[in-house]
Amino acid sequence: QHVFQCVRDLLQATVPRGVPIGIVVRLPPSVLRLAGLSEAQVSRFGVSATSAGHTVTLLAASADSARTVLFVQVDGQDSIPSKTGAGYNVDGYLSDQYGKTYSMIVGHGGSLWFQPLSGSAARGSVQVTLHIQELEIWPASVPGASTPGSRDRRVKGDWVLGANLTGAPGPPSPCHLQRRSTAPRIP
């Protein structure tokens, strides 16, 4: 317990006031691969918000000159595209400490791609805030069962998650460009 208190004290001393301190959650390698990123390219978080009976957790993020990618879980579940798995889509936007808003380019379940950070936010560390207004949640299906999407639910809410993110200067890696031009394969 002493070690936990020391870590918490260190985080409180280094994380700016107003940024929630959460538990860092493991990000599945398959989610990183779908986004064309490696472990070294993401900053990890673990900040959660609950609204409308569902908890959204910001797991990690990455920013370069082509995009800003955030990874989330809903109710502790990953959403990796699959033909039969349960999952979700997220509808929201990103903002920075300077008041700039970034639109979502594409969302693949728990992998959310936004416009690249710009201006002062693209240089150095910046406070970003993910604003989610709606979740689309679908249950797991069984092959041959009823029409996919027939039981999807849209849940309106107000999930707000903040974190400090450092944008990577320069052009995106070739892996980013390759992944942006192809759709993810559905297992």
Protein backbone atom coordinates (compact mmCIF):
# COMPACT_ATOMS: atom_id res chain seq x y z
CA GLN A 1 0.00 0.00 0.00
CA HIS A 2 2.96 2.30 0.66
CA VAL A 3 4.15 1.82 -2.95
CA PHE A 4 0.66 2.67 -4.26
CA GLN A 5 0.62 5.89 -2.19
CA CYS A 6 4.09 6.86 -3.49
CA VAL A 7 3.01 6.34 -7.10
CA ARG A 8 -0.20 8.31 -6.54
CA ASP A 9 1.77 11.16 -4.90
CA LEU A 10 4.20 11.20 -7.85
CA LEU A 11 1.31 11.33 -10.34
CA GLN A 12 -0.40 14.13 -8.43
CA ALA A 13 2.85 16.11 -8.44
CA THR A 14 3.41 15.68 -12.20
CA VAL A 15 -0.12 15.67 -13.68
CA PRO A 16 -1.66 19.14 -14.06
CA ARG A 17 -4.52 20.04 -11.75
CA GLY A 18 -7.92 19.00 -13.07
CA VAL A 19 -6.66 15.96 -15.01
CA PRO A 20 -8.17 12.82 -13.46
CA ILE A 21 -5.71 10.13 -12.43
CA GLY A 22 -6.86 6.67 -13.47
CA ILE A 23 -5.57 3.14 -13.56
CA VAL A 24 -3.66 2.35 -16.74
CA VAL A 25 -5.46 -0.37 -18.68
CA ARG A 26 -3.81 -2.80 -21.10
CA LEU A 27 -4.47 -2.08 -24.78
CA PRO A 28 -4.84 -5.25 -26.89
CA PRO A 29 -2.13 -5.55 -29.59
CA SER A 30 -4.80 -6.30 -32.22
CA VAL A 31 -6.32 -2.84 -31.63
CA LEU A 32 -2.91 -1.21 -32.14
CA ARG A 33 -2.37 -3.21 -35.34
CA LEU A 34 -5.75 -2.10 -36.74
CA ALA A 35 -4.65 1.53 -36.24
CA GLY A 36 -1.19 0.89 -37.70
CA LEU A 37 0.57 1.86 -34.46
CA SER A 38 3.17 0.29 -32.19
CA GLU A 39 3.39 0.32 -28.39
CA ALA A 40 6.06 3.04 -28.55
CA GLN A 41 3.75 5.40 -30.46
CA VAL A 42 0.97 5.59 -27.86
CA SER A 43 0.59 7.34 -24.52
CA ARG A 44 -1.41 5.34 -21.99
CA PHE A 45 -4.12 6.71 -19.73
CA GLY A 46 -6.98 4.93 -17.95
CA VAL A 47 -9.40 7.82 -17.38
CA SER A 48 -13.10 6.90 -17.14
CA ALA A 49 -16.46 8.68 -17.24
CA THR A 50 -19.92 7.23 -16.61
CA SER A 51 -23.18 8.47 -18.12
CA ALA A 52 -26.51 6.81 -18.97
CA GLY A 53 -25.41 3.65 -17.16
CA HIS A 54 -22.31 3.06 -19.32
CA THR A 55 -18.65 3.68 -18.52
CA VAL A 56 -16.26 4.86 -21.24
CA THR A 57 -12.54 4.53 -20.52
CA LEU A 58 -9.85 6.40 -22.47
CA LEU A 59 -7.06 3.81 -22.67
CA ALA A 60 -4.43 5.45 -24.86
CA ALA A 61 -3.80 8.02 -27.58
CA SER A 62 -1.36 8.91 -30.33
CA ALA A 63 -0.94 12.07 -32.41
CA ASP A 64 1.09 12.85 -35.52
CA SER A 65 0.82 15.24 -38.45
CA ALA A 66 -1.85 13.10 -40.18
CA ARG A 67 -4.26 12.24 -37.35
CA THR A 68 -4.98 11.98 -33.65
CA VAL A 69 -6.01 8.49 -32.53
CA LEU A 70 -7.75 7.72 -29.24
CA PHE A 71 -8.47 4.24 -27.94
CA VAL A 72 -11.49 3.65 -25.72
CA GLN A 73 -13.41 0.84 -24.06
CA VAL A 74 -17.09 0.85 -23.19
CA ASP A 75 -18.09 -1.01 -20.04
CA GLY A 76 -14.66 -2.69 -19.98
CA GLN A 77 -15.12 -4.22 -23.45
CA ASP A 78 -12.95 -3.82 -26.51
CA SER A 79 -14.70 -3.39 -29.84
CA ILE A 80 -12.65 -5.14 -32.47
CA PRO A 81 -14.50 -5.49 -35.79
CA SER A 82 -15.86 -9.01 -36.10
CA LYS A 83 -18.80 -10.76 -37.74
CA THR A 84 -20.22 -12.18 -34.52
CA GLY A 85 -18.78 -10.23 -31.56
CA ALA A 86 -20.52 -7.67 -29.40
CA GLY A 87 -19.32 -4.15 -29.92
CA TYR A 88 -19.99 -0.46 -30.12
CA ASN A 89 -19.44 2.71 -32.09
CA VAL A 90 -18.83 6.09 -30.53
CA ASP A 91 -20.09 9.49 -31.72
CA GLY A 92 -18.17 12.50 -30.45
CA TYR A 93 -15.46 15.08 -30.99
CA LEU A 94 -12.11 16.12 -29.54
CA SER A 95 -11.11 19.54 -28.21
CA ASP A 96 -7.85 21.00 -26.92
CA GLN A 97 -6.93 23.45 -24.16
CA TYR A 98 -6.84 26.29 -26.70
CA GLY A 99 -10.51 25.86 -27.61
CA LYS A 100 -9.96 24.18 -31.00
CA THR A 101 -12.36 21.37 -31.92
CA TYR A 102 -11.30 18.34 -33.99
CA SER A 103 -13.82 16.29 -35.95
CA MET A 104 -13.79 12.51 -36.01
CA ILE A 105 -12.40 11.18 -39.29
CA VAL A 106 -13.42 7.59 -38.67
CA GLY A 107 -14.25 5.37 -35.73
CA HIS A 108 -13.66 1.63 -35.74
CA GLY A 109 -15.28 0.61 -32.46
CA GLY A 110 -12.74 1.54 -29.81
CA SER A 111 -10.26 3.14 -32.23
CA LEU A 112 -11.26 6.77 -32.84
CA TRP A 113 -9.40 8.80 -35.48
CA PHE A 114 -9.64 12.60 -35.37
CA GLN A 115 -8.14 15.43 -37.38
CA PRO A 116 -4.48 16.07 -36.50
CA LEU A 117 -3.72 18.48 -33.67
CA SER A 118 -2.94 21.94 -35.02
CA GLY A 119 -1.41 25.25 -34.00
CA SER A 120 0.04 25.34 -30.48
CA ALA A 121 -1.56 21.97 -29.70
CA ALA A 122 0.66 20.27 -32.30
CA ARG A 123 3.82 21.37 -30.45
CA GLY A 124 4.59 19.87 -27.07
CA SER A 125 2.19 18.60 -24.44
CA VAL A 126 -1.47 19.59 -24.68
CA GLN A 127 -4.61 18.91 -22.66
CA VAL A 128 -7.16 17.19 -24.93
CA THR A 129 -10.75 16.37 -24.06
CA LEU A 130 -12.85 13.67 -25.68
CA HIS A 131 -16.56 14.55 -25.74
CA ILE A 132 -18.92 11.64 -26.47
CA GLN A 133 -22.64 12.28 -26.97
CA GLU A 134 -23.83 8.88 -28.18
CA LEU A 135 -22.92 5.20 -28.13
CA GLU A 136 -24.25 2.62 -30.57
CA ILE A 137 -24.09 -0.74 -28.81
CA TRP A 138 -24.80 -4.11 -30.38
CA PRO A 139 -24.94 -7.54 -28.74
CA ALA A 140 -22.96 -10.58 -29.80
CA SER A 141 -24.67 -12.50 -32.58
CA VAL A 142 -24.63 -16.14 -33.49
CA PRO A 143 -23.91 -17.11 -37.11
CA GLY A 144 -27.22 -17.76 -38.86
CA ALA A 145 -29.20 -15.81 -36.22
CA SER A 146 -31.53 -12.90 -36.93
CA THR A 147 -30.51 -9.95 -39.09
CA PRO A 148 -27.36 -8.21 -37.77
CA GLY A 149 -28.14 -4.80 -36.36
CA SER A 150 -31.72 -5.65 -35.46
CA ARG A 151 -31.00 -5.28 -31.75
CA ASP A 152 -28.57 -2.34 -31.89
CA ARG A 153 -29.15 0.31 -29.25
CA ARG A 154 -28.32 3.99 -29.38
CA VAL A 155 -27.57 5.47 -25.99
CA LYS A 156 -27.38 9.25 -25.55
CA GLY A 157 -25.18 10.55 -22.75
CA ASP A 158 -22.45 12.97 -21.79
CA TRP A 159 -19.04 11.34 -21.43
CA VAL A 160 -16.13 13.79 -21.04
CA LEU A 161 -12.58 12.42 -20.73
CA GLY A 162 -9.44 14.55 -20.46
CA ALA A 163 -5.77 13.68 -20.81
CA ASN A 164 -2.40 15.23 -21.60
CA LEU A 165 -1.09 14.25 -25.01
CA THR A 166 2.14 15.03 -26.82
CA GLY A 167 1.91 15.30 -30.60
CA ALA A 168 4.67 13.74 -32.65
CA PRO A 169 6.20 16.33 -35.03
CA GLY A 170 6.90 15.55 -38.65
CA PRO A 171 5.21 13.32 -41.18
CA PRO A 172 3.29 10.19 -40.22
CA SER A 173 5.10 6.87 -40.41
CA PRO A 174 4.62 4.77 -43.58
CA CYS A 175 2.57 2.39 -41.45
CA HIS A 176 0.06 5.20 -40.80
CA LEU A 177 -0.28 5.95 -44.50
CA GLN A 178 -0.75 2.31 -45.38
CA ARG A 179 -3.40 1.76 -42.71
CA ARG A 180 -5.32 4.94 -43.59
CA SER A 181 -5.75 3.79 -47.20
CA THR A 182 -7.17 0.35 -46.39
CA ALA A 183 -10.22 -0.79 -44.49
CA PRO A 184 -9.72 -3.19 -41.57
CA ARG A 185 -10.28 -6.85 -42.32
CA ILE A 186 -13.18 -8.46 -40.52
CA PRO A 187 -12.11 -11.82 -39.03
